[in-house]
Amino acid sequence: MVKKSIFAIAMLGMLATVTLAQDQTQLPGQFKIDGGWPKTIVVTWTPIEICRIKVYLKVGYFIEIDKCADLKINMVQVNCPSGATPPQTFPCYKGCVTIKVRSNFEAQLGLVKYIIGNIINDNGNTNPSDDKWKAYFRADSTDTTQSSTWIIAGDGNFHSVDVCVEAWDANIFNGVPGQNVLVGEVAITAIPTATATCP
């Protein structure tokens, strides 16, 4: 037992001696040593760190609308608001849906409307701004403001916002009573805000 202990101490001493003999003037990415390569007590080669290589990852822009394929806006008939701009005439419809959005950059959301069929009154398709429907954002059902854009924080968390559509002077005579008819689509767009870094 004493011989084994003496042998282990001797081996440690040899390893320490080899380590001390390492050339301290070497540059990063170099390894120089006098004598043999360092070994462990069990006489196997010891890995020596020669160089550390930095690893980078280029982070791209990411934005997501949760369960987008399942989202839909069901408009129902409502009383036409008085004093609306532009004026809204019978019959009037309104519907909203809550969306959840997350992003890794501060994003400004926007809305683009697309008419499908001929129930939404496009005013003869002479000027899209004269279409008798509108889409807007609002914070929630208690919010009476209407915004054409919405800012989403770039913190990676889901943030909720309502997307609403109103239509008036609808051509209901072009539809079949009792059916839920697809009359349009609203596209949600996004761009980085001025606070986001543009590469």
C-alpha atoms as a PDB file:
ATOM      1  CA  MET A   1       0.000   0.000   0.000  1.00  0.00           C
ATOM      2  CA  VAL A   2       2.876   2.354   0.873  1.00  0.00           C
ATOM      3  CA  LYS A   3       4.560   1.633  -2.496  1.00  0.00           C
ATOM      4  CA  LYS A   4       1.367   2.499  -4.402  1.00  0.00           C
ATOM      5  CA  SER A   5       1.038   5.798  -2.524  1.00  0.00           C
ATOM      6  CA  ILE A   6       4.673   6.690  -3.239  1.00  0.00           C
ATOM      7  CA  PHE A   7       4.164   5.872  -6.943  1.00  0.00           C
ATOM      8  CA  ALA A   8       1.040   8.103  -7.136  1.00  0.00           C
ATOM      9  CA  ILE A   9       2.885  10.994  -5.485  1.00  0.00           C
ATOM     10  CA  ALA A  10       5.783  10.563  -7.872  1.00  0.00           C
ATOM     11  CA  MET A  11       3.455  10.616 -10.898  1.00  0.00           C
ATOM     12  CA  LEU A  12       1.767  13.792  -9.677  1.00  0.00           C
ATOM     13  CA  GLY A  13       5.155  15.354  -9.239  1.00  0.00           C
ATOM     14  CA  MET A  14       6.128  14.465 -12.784  1.00  0.00           C
ATOM     15  CA  LEU A  15       2.876  15.910 -14.167  1.00  0.00           C
ATOM     16  CA  ALA A  16       3.385  19.115 -12.212  1.00  0.00           C
ATOM     17  CA  THR A  17       6.917  19.327 -13.541  1.00  0.00           C
ATOM     18  CA  VAL A  18       5.708  18.940 -17.126  1.00  0.00           C
ATOM     19  CA  THR A  19       3.019  21.579 -16.665  1.00  0.00           C
ATOM     20  CA  LEU A  20       5.521  24.066 -15.250  1.00  0.00           C
ATOM     21  CA  ALA A  21       7.735  23.500 -18.258  1.00  0.00           C
ATOM     22  CA  GLN A  22       5.082  24.898 -20.624  1.00  0.00           C
ATOM     23  CA  ASP A  23       6.310  27.855 -22.675  1.00  0.00           C
ATOM     24  CA  GLN A  24       4.557  30.909 -21.268  1.00  0.00           C
ATOM     25  CA  THR A  25       5.422  33.085 -24.275  1.00  0.00           C
ATOM     26  CA  GLN A  26       3.092  31.260 -26.649  1.00  0.00           C
ATOM     27  CA  LEU A  27       0.351  33.133 -28.486  1.00  0.00           C
ATOM     28  CA  PRO A  28      -3.379  32.271 -28.626  1.00  0.00           C
ATOM     29  CA  GLY A  29      -3.781  29.274 -30.895  1.00  0.00           C
ATOM     30  CA  GLN A  30      -0.342  27.913 -29.988  1.00  0.00           C
ATOM     31  CA  PHE A  31       0.811  25.294 -27.521  1.00  0.00           C
ATOM     32  CA  LYS A  32       4.504  24.606 -26.855  1.00  0.00           C
ATOM     33  CA  ILE A  33       5.943  22.452 -24.109  1.00  0.00           C
ATOM     34  CA  ASP A  34       9.345  21.058 -23.261  1.00  0.00           C
ATOM     35  CA  GLY A  35       9.521  17.310 -22.936  1.00  0.00           C
ATOM     36  CA  GLY A  36       6.672  14.870 -23.489  1.00  0.00           C
ATOM     37  CA  TRP A  37       2.958  15.542 -23.830  1.00  0.00           C
ATOM     38  CA  PRO A  38       1.131  15.809 -20.476  1.00  0.00           C
ATOM     39  CA  LYS A  39      -0.430  12.593 -19.224  1.00  0.00           C
ATOM     40  CA  THR A  40      -2.909  11.750 -16.493  1.00  0.00           C
ATOM     41  CA  ILE A  41      -2.157   9.449 -13.582  1.00  0.00           C
ATOM     42  CA  VAL A  42      -3.528   6.494 -15.563  1.00  0.00           C
ATOM     43  CA  VAL A  43      -1.017   7.329 -18.321  1.00  0.00           C
ATOM     44  CA  THR A  44      -3.422   8.597 -21.026  1.00  0.00           C
ATOM     45  CA  TRP A  45      -2.972  11.722 -23.098  1.00  0.00           C
ATOM     46  CA  THR A  46      -4.379  14.899 -21.533  1.00  0.00           C
ATOM     47  CA  PRO A  47      -6.423  17.169 -23.866  1.00  0.00           C
ATOM     48  CA  ILE A  48      -4.861  20.614 -24.010  1.00  0.00           C
ATOM     49  CA  GLU A  49      -6.943  23.668 -24.979  1.00  0.00           C
ATOM     50  CA  ILE A  50      -5.178  25.265 -27.941  1.00  0.00           C
ATOM     51  CA  CYS A  51      -7.718  27.819 -29.157  1.00  0.00           C
ATOM     52  CA  ARG A  52     -11.239  29.015 -28.451  1.00  0.00           C
ATOM     53  CA  ILE A  53     -13.297  29.967 -31.465  1.00  0.00           C
ATOM     54  CA  LYS A  54     -16.103  32.478 -30.978  1.00  0.00           C
ATOM     55  CA  VAL A  55     -19.489  31.346 -32.287  1.00  0.00           C
ATOM     56  CA  TYR A  56     -21.989  33.912 -33.570  1.00  0.00           C
ATOM     57  CA  LEU A  57     -25.646  33.590 -34.556  1.00  0.00           C
ATOM     58  CA  LYS A  58     -27.325  36.141 -36.788  1.00  0.00           C
ATOM     59  CA  VAL A  59     -30.766  36.764 -35.327  1.00  0.00           C
ATOM     60  CA  GLY A  60     -33.468  37.368 -37.914  1.00  0.00           C
ATOM     61  CA  TYR A  61     -36.813  39.103 -37.621  1.00  0.00           C
ATOM     62  CA  PHE A  62     -39.629  36.938 -36.254  1.00  0.00           C
ATOM     63  CA  ILE A  63     -43.313  37.791 -35.802  1.00  0.00           C
ATOM     64  CA  GLU A  64     -46.215  35.406 -35.238  1.00  0.00           C
ATOM     65  CA  ILE A  65     -49.999  35.674 -35.053  1.00  0.00           C
ATOM     66  CA  ASP A  66     -51.260  32.822 -32.914  1.00  0.00           C
ATOM     67  CA  LYS A  67     -53.603  30.361 -34.675  1.00  0.00           C
ATOM     68  CA  CYS A  68     -53.978  32.615 -37.706  1.00  0.00           C
ATOM     69  CA  ALA A  69     -55.624  29.899 -39.811  1.00  0.00           C
ATOM     70  CA  ASP A  70     -58.449  29.620 -37.264  1.00  0.00           C
ATOM     71  CA  LEU A  71     -59.218  33.342 -37.048  1.00  0.00           C
ATOM     72  CA  LYS A  72     -62.400  34.768 -38.539  1.00  0.00           C
ATOM     73  CA  ILE A  73     -64.611  37.797 -38.080  1.00  0.00           C
ATOM     74  CA  ASN A  74     -68.351  37.190 -37.935  1.00  0.00           C
ATOM     75  CA  MET A  75     -70.214  40.424 -38.637  1.00  0.00           C
ATOM     76  CA  VAL A  76     -73.722  40.850 -37.285  1.00  0.00           C
ATOM     77  CA  GLN A  77     -76.274  43.523 -38.045  1.00  0.00           C
ATOM     78  CA  VAL A  78     -76.132  46.519 -35.698  1.00  0.00           C
ATOM     79  CA  ASN A  79     -77.766  49.902 -35.444  1.00  0.00           C
ATOM     80  CA  CYS A  80     -76.069  52.333 -37.782  1.00  0.00           C
ATOM     81  CA  PRO A  81     -74.030  54.813 -35.729  1.00  0.00           C
ATOM     82  CA  SER A  82     -75.103  58.427 -35.896  1.00  0.00           C
ATOM     83  CA  GLY A  83     -72.490  61.014 -36.759  1.00  0.00           C
ATOM     84  CA  ALA A  84     -70.081  58.445 -38.186  1.00  0.00           C
ATOM     85  CA  THR A  85     -67.416  59.556 -40.644  1.00  0.00           C
ATOM     86  CA  PRO A  86     -68.064  58.655 -43.377  1.00  0.00           C
ATOM     87  CA  PRO A  87     -71.844  58.475 -42.816  1.00  0.00           C
ATOM     88  CA  GLN A  88     -73.121  54.915 -42.422  1.00  0.00           C
ATOM     89  CA  THR A  89     -76.524  53.975 -43.827  1.00  0.00           C
ATOM     90  CA  PHE A  90     -78.744  50.911 -43.338  1.00  0.00           C
ATOM     91  CA  PRO A  91     -78.021  48.034 -43.224  1.00  0.00           C
ATOM     92  CA  CYS A  92     -74.964  48.216 -40.950  1.00  0.00           C
ATOM     93  CA  TYR A  93     -72.798  45.327 -39.746  1.00  0.00           C
ATOM     94  CA  LYS A  94     -69.947  44.954 -37.272  1.00  0.00           C
ATOM     95  CA  GLY A  95     -67.662  42.169 -36.060  1.00  0.00           C
ATOM     96  CA  CYS A  96     -64.373  41.808 -34.182  1.00  0.00           C
ATOM     97  CA  VAL A  97     -61.838  39.131 -33.347  1.00  0.00           C
ATOM     98  CA  THR A  98     -59.068  39.139 -30.749  1.00  0.00           C
ATOM     99  CA  ILE A  99     -55.656  38.227 -32.106  1.00  0.00           C
ATOM    100  CA  LYS A 100     -52.493  37.379 -30.184  1.00  0.00           C
ATOM    101  CA  VAL A 101     -49.205  38.591 -31.649  1.00  0.00           C
ATOM    102  CA  ARG A 102     -45.605  38.094 -30.574  1.00  0.00           C
ATOM    103  CA  SER A 103     -42.419  39.414 -32.086  1.00  0.00           C
ATOM    104  CA  ASN A 104     -38.709  39.726 -31.379  1.00  0.00           C
ATOM    105  CA  PHE A 105     -38.734  43.324 -32.635  1.00  0.00           C
ATOM    106  CA  GLU A 106     -41.056  46.276 -32.070  1.00  0.00           C
ATOM    107  CA  ALA A 107     -43.520  46.027 -34.936  1.00  0.00           C
ATOM    108  CA  GLN A 108     -46.202  48.260 -36.359  1.00  0.00           C
ATOM    109  CA  LEU A 109     -49.249  46.331 -37.538  1.00  0.00           C
ATOM    110  CA  GLY A 110     -51.465  47.536 -40.350  1.00  0.00           C
ATOM    111  CA  LEU A 111     -54.601  46.347 -42.161  1.00  0.00           C
ATOM    112  CA  VAL A 112     -55.469  45.804 -45.830  1.00  0.00           C
ATOM    113  CA  LYS A 113     -59.049  44.978 -46.911  1.00  0.00           C
ATOM    114  CA  TYR A 114     -60.070  42.680 -49.780  1.00  0.00           C
ATOM    115  CA  ILE A 115     -63.677  42.421 -50.969  1.00  0.00           C
ATOM    116  CA  ILE A 116     -64.981  38.986 -51.941  1.00  0.00           C
ATOM    117  CA  GLY A 117     -68.257  38.795 -53.833  1.00  0.00           C
ATOM    118  CA  ASN A 118     -70.735  41.658 -54.186  1.00  0.00           C
ATOM    119  CA  ILE A 119     -72.380  42.014 -50.783  1.00  0.00           C
ATOM    120  CA  ILE A 120     -69.904  44.563 -49.481  1.00  0.00           C
ATOM    121  CA  ASN A 121     -70.699  47.783 -51.328  1.00  0.00           C
ATOM    122  CA  ASP A 122     -67.588  48.825 -53.252  1.00  0.00           C
ATOM    123  CA  ASN A 123     -69.301  52.006 -54.526  1.00  0.00           C
ATOM    124  CA  GLY A 124     -68.807  50.953 -58.140  1.00  0.00           C
ATOM    125  CA  ASN A 125     -65.137  50.067 -57.521  1.00  0.00           C
ATOM    126  CA  THR A 126     -64.124  53.577 -58.578  1.00  0.00           C
ATOM    127  CA  ASN A 127     -62.045  54.344 -55.497  1.00  0.00           C
ATOM    128  CA  PRO A 128     -61.191  51.792 -52.783  1.00  0.00           C
ATOM    129  CA  SER A 129     -61.245  54.558 -50.181  1.00  0.00           C
ATOM    130  CA  ASP A 130     -64.960  54.988 -50.972  1.00  0.00           C
ATOM    131  CA  ASP A 131     -65.751  51.335 -50.185  1.00  0.00           C
ATOM    132  CA  LYS A 132     -68.514  51.160 -47.649  1.00  0.00           C
ATOM    133  CA  TRP A 133     -66.607  49.204 -45.068  1.00  0.00           C
ATOM    134  CA  LYS A 134     -63.597  49.734 -42.816  1.00  0.00           C
ATOM    135  CA  ALA A 135     -61.198  47.763 -40.652  1.00  0.00           C
ATOM    136  CA  TYR A 136     -59.394  48.959 -37.543  1.00  0.00           C
ATOM    137  CA  PHE A 137     -57.598  47.946 -34.353  1.00  0.00           C
ATOM    138  CA  ARG A 138     -58.815  48.487 -30.818  1.00  0.00           C
ATOM    139  CA  ALA A 139     -57.368  47.465 -27.453  1.00  0.00           C
ATOM    140  CA  ASP A 140     -60.416  45.437 -26.345  1.00  0.00           C
ATOM    141  CA  SER A 141     -64.220  45.530 -26.237  1.00  0.00           C
ATOM    142  CA  THR A 142     -64.174  48.500 -23.835  1.00  0.00           C
ATOM    143  CA  ASP A 143     -62.043  50.602 -26.182  1.00  0.00           C
ATOM    144  CA  THR A 144     -64.009  53.065 -28.321  1.00  0.00           C
ATOM    145  CA  THR A 145     -61.043  54.290 -30.332  1.00  0.00           C
ATOM    146  CA  GLN A 146     -60.329  53.049 -33.844  1.00  0.00           C
ATOM    147  CA  SER A 147     -56.750  52.848 -35.084  1.00  0.00           C
ATOM    148  CA  SER A 148     -55.432  51.929 -38.523  1.00  0.00           C
ATOM    149  CA  THR A 149     -52.114  50.794 -36.971  1.00  0.00           C
ATOM    150  CA  TRP A 150     -51.011  49.082 -33.765  1.00  0.00           C
ATOM    151  CA  ILE A 151     -47.638  48.742 -32.055  1.00  0.00           C
ATOM    152  CA  ILE A 152     -46.514  45.336 -30.746  1.00  0.00           C
ATOM    153  CA  ALA A 153     -43.647  45.184 -28.240  1.00  0.00           C
ATOM    154  CA  GLY A 154     -40.684  43.096 -29.341  1.00  0.00           C
ATOM    155  CA  ASP A 155     -40.343  41.178 -26.077  1.00  0.00           C
ATOM    156  CA  GLY A 156     -41.320  37.727 -27.382  1.00  0.00           C
ATOM    157  CA  ASN A 157     -44.547  37.624 -25.345  1.00  0.00           C
ATOM    158  CA  PHE A 158     -47.992  37.317 -26.900  1.00  0.00           C
ATOM    159  CA  HIS A 159     -49.929  40.604 -26.860  1.00  0.00           C
ATOM    160  CA  SER A 160     -53.661  40.795 -27.568  1.00  0.00           C
ATOM    161  CA  VAL A 161     -55.431  43.303 -29.786  1.00  0.00           C
ATOM    162  CA  ASP A 162     -58.844  43.342 -31.471  1.00  0.00           C
ATOM    163  CA  VAL A 163     -59.302  43.556 -35.232  1.00  0.00           C
ATOM    164  CA  CYS A 164     -62.727  44.928 -36.149  1.00  0.00           C
ATOM    165  CA  VAL A 165     -64.654  45.359 -39.383  1.00  0.00           C
ATOM    166  CA  GLU A 166     -67.688  47.540 -40.023  1.00  0.00           C
ATOM    167  CA  ALA A 167     -69.805  47.586 -43.186  1.00  0.00           C
ATOM    168  CA  TRP A 168     -72.781  49.702 -44.184  1.00  0.00           C
ATOM    169  CA  ASP A 169     -75.169  50.025 -47.100  1.00  0.00           C
ATOM    170  CA  ALA A 170     -74.518  46.324 -47.669  1.00  0.00           C
ATOM    171  CA  ASN A 171     -76.048  44.625 -50.715  1.00  0.00           C
ATOM    172  CA  ILE A 172     -77.910  42.013 -48.677  1.00  0.00           C
ATOM    173  CA  PHE A 173     -80.188  41.276 -51.629  1.00  0.00           C
ATOM    174  CA  ASN A 174     -77.186  39.590 -53.279  1.00  0.00           C
ATOM    175  CA  GLY A 175     -76.987  36.949 -50.538  1.00  0.00           C
ATOM    176  CA  VAL A 176     -79.101  33.968 -49.478  1.00  0.00           C
ATOM    177  CA  PRO A 177     -80.972  34.518 -46.172  1.00  0.00           C
ATOM    178  CA  GLY A 178     -79.744  32.343 -43.307  1.00  0.00           C
ATOM    179  CA  GLN A 179     -76.303  31.719 -44.786  1.00  0.00           C
ATOM    180  CA  ASN A 180     -72.990  32.913 -43.327  1.00  0.00           C
ATOM    181  CA  VAL A 181     -71.422  34.330 -46.497  1.00  0.00           C
ATOM    182  CA  LEU A 182     -67.728  35.084 -47.020  1.00  0.00           C
ATOM    183  CA  VAL A 183     -67.716  38.754 -48.040  1.00  0.00           C
ATOM    184  CA  GLY A 184     -64.080  39.750 -47.635  1.00  0.00           C
ATOM    185  CA  GLU A 185     -60.710  39.295 -46.019  1.00  0.00           C
ATOM    186  CA  VAL A 186     -58.537  41.531 -43.869  1.00  0.00           C
ATOM    187  CA  ALA A 187     -54.768  41.102 -44.143  1.00  0.00           C
ATOM    188  CA  ILE A 188     -52.609  42.052 -41.175  1.00  0.00           C
ATOM    189  CA  THR A 189     -49.317  43.608 -42.214  1.00  0.00           C
ATOM    190  CA  ALA A 190     -46.222  44.359 -40.152  1.00  0.00           C
ATOM    191  CA  ILE A 191     -43.146  46.561 -40.438  1.00  0.00           C
ATOM    192  CA  PRO A 192     -40.392  47.317 -37.923  1.00  0.00           C
ATOM    193  CA  THR A 193     -40.839  50.595 -36.112  1.00  0.00           C
ATOM    194  CA  ALA A 194     -38.234  53.335 -36.110  1.00  0.00           C
ATOM    195  CA  THR A 195     -36.787  51.883 -32.884  1.00  0.00           C
ATOM    196  CA  ALA A 196     -35.943  48.587 -34.599  1.00  0.00           C
ATOM    197  CA  THR A 197     -32.522  48.245 -36.193  1.00  0.00           C
ATOM    198  CA  CYS A 198     -32.597  48.086 -39.980  1.00  0.00           C
ATOM    199  CA  PRO A 199     -29.649  46.032 -41.323  1.00  0.00           C
END
